[in-house]
C-alpha atoms as a PDB file:
ATOM      1  CA  MET A   1       0.000   0.000   0.000  1.00  0.00           C
ATOM      2  CA  ASN A   2       1.123   3.541  -0.607  1.00  0.00           C
ATOM      3  CA  ASP A   3       2.899   5.006   2.444  1.00  0.00           C
ATOM      4  CA  VAL A   4       0.523   7.967   2.642  1.00  0.00           C
ATOM      5  CA  LEU A   5      -2.576   5.772   2.488  1.00  0.00           C
ATOM      6  CA  GLU A   6      -1.119   3.394   5.052  1.00  0.00           C
ATOM      7  CA  ALA A   7      -0.442   6.286   7.429  1.00  0.00           C
ATOM      8  CA  ILE A   8      -4.032   7.462   7.055  1.00  0.00           C
ATOM      9  CA  ALA A   9      -5.391   3.934   7.522  1.00  0.00           C
ATOM     10  CA  ASN A  10      -3.400   3.527  10.743  1.00  0.00           C
ATOM     11  CA  VAL A  11      -5.295   6.366  12.447  1.00  0.00           C
ATOM     12  CA  LEU A  12      -8.809   5.341  11.386  1.00  0.00           C
ATOM     13  CA  PRO A  13     -10.872   3.516  14.015  1.00  0.00           C
ATOM     14  CA  LEU A  14     -12.115   0.989  11.455  1.00  0.00           C
ATOM     15  CA  THR A  15      -8.572  -0.377  11.178  1.00  0.00           C
ATOM     16  CA  TYR A  16      -8.492  -1.028  14.919  1.00  0.00           C
ATOM     17  CA  SER A  17     -11.917  -2.683  14.927  1.00  0.00           C
ATOM     18  CA  ILE A  18     -10.920  -5.009  12.075  1.00  0.00           C
ATOM     19  CA  ASP A  19      -7.696  -5.860  13.907  1.00  0.00           C
ATOM     20  CA  ALA A  20      -9.724  -6.623  17.042  1.00  0.00           C
ATOM     21  CA  LEU A  21     -12.049  -8.922  15.101  1.00  0.00           C
ATOM     22  CA  PHE A  22      -9.031 -10.692  13.636  1.00  0.00           C
ATOM     23  CA  GLU A  23      -7.545 -11.153  17.120  1.00  0.00           C
ATOM     24  CA  ILE A  24     -10.835 -12.630  18.331  1.00  0.00           C
ATOM     25  CA  ALA A  25     -10.913 -15.038  15.382  1.00  0.00           C
ATOM     26  CA  VAL A  26      -7.315 -16.186  15.814  1.00  0.00           C
ATOM     27  CA  ASN A  27      -6.915 -16.341  19.606  1.00  0.00           C
ATOM     28  CA  GLN A  28      -9.213 -17.926  22.135  1.00  0.00           C
ATOM     29  CA  GLU A  29      -8.078 -15.668  24.941  1.00  0.00           C
ATOM     30  CA  ALA A  30      -7.855 -11.898  25.011  1.00  0.00           C
ATOM     31  CA  THR A  31      -4.436 -10.565  24.069  1.00  0.00           C
ATOM     32  CA  SER A  32      -2.875  -7.212  24.843  1.00  0.00           C
ATOM     33  CA  GLU A  33      -3.267  -6.235  21.189  1.00  0.00           C
ATOM     34  CA  LEU A  34      -7.004  -6.935  21.429  1.00  0.00           C
ATOM     35  CA  TRP A  35      -7.328  -4.744  24.531  1.00  0.00           C
ATOM     36  CA  THR A  36      -5.366  -1.979  22.802  1.00  0.00           C
ATOM     37  CA  ASP A  37      -7.697  -2.105  19.805  1.00  0.00           C
ATOM     38  CA  ILE A  38     -10.764  -2.073  22.057  1.00  0.00           C
ATOM     39  CA  ALA A  39      -9.371   0.885  24.027  1.00  0.00           C
ATOM     40  CA  VAL A  40      -8.695   2.878  20.851  1.00  0.00           C
ATOM     41  CA  VAL A  41     -12.184   2.236  19.448  1.00  0.00           C
ATOM     42  CA  GLY A  42     -13.751   3.030  22.826  1.00  0.00           C
ATOM     43  CA  GLY A  43     -11.711   6.222  23.090  1.00  0.00           C
ATOM     44  CA  VAL A  44     -12.830   7.333  19.648  1.00  0.00           C
ATOM     45  CA  ILE A  45     -16.454   6.684  20.603  1.00  0.00           C
ATOM     46  CA  VAL A  46     -16.104   8.793  23.762  1.00  0.00           C
ATOM     47  CA  VAL A  47     -14.415  11.658  21.889  1.00  0.00           C
ATOM     48  CA  VAL A  48     -17.018  11.645  19.115  1.00  0.00           C
ATOM     49  CA  LEU A  49     -19.891  11.607  21.609  1.00  0.00           C
ATOM     50  CA  ALA A  50     -18.310  14.477  23.549  1.00  0.00           C
ATOM     51  CA  LEU A  51     -17.866  16.514  20.381  1.00  0.00           C
ATOM     52  CA  ALA A  52     -21.420  15.736  19.297  1.00  0.00           C
ATOM     53  CA  SER A  53     -22.822  16.851  22.644  1.00  0.00           C
ATOM     54  CA  LEU A  54     -20.996  20.176  22.299  1.00  0.00           C
ATOM     55  CA  THR A  55     -22.695  20.858  18.983  1.00  0.00           C
ATOM     56  CA  LEU A  56     -26.230  20.362  20.301  1.00  0.00           C
ATOM     57  CA  ARG A  57     -28.129  23.432  21.376  1.00  0.00           C
ATOM     58  CA  ARG A  58     -29.840  23.424  24.734  1.00  0.00           C
ATOM     59  CA  GLN A  59     -33.534  24.164  24.710  1.00  0.00           C
ATOM     60  CA  THR A  60     -35.140  25.537  27.828  1.00  0.00           C
ATOM     61  CA  ALA A  61     -38.854  25.547  28.283  1.00  0.00           C
END
């Protein structure tokens, strides 16, 4: 793969989720790589939810 595209792919959360699924398929027990992938995907979810909550306007009755 092109170096630029590989660098971009390495920061996308989909790459980490696919790696986690591969780890689950290959190993019967959780590995440190699996926990790292889960932590990265979970961290992205938290950051995206926090950013989304900042963009919502509060409505008071």
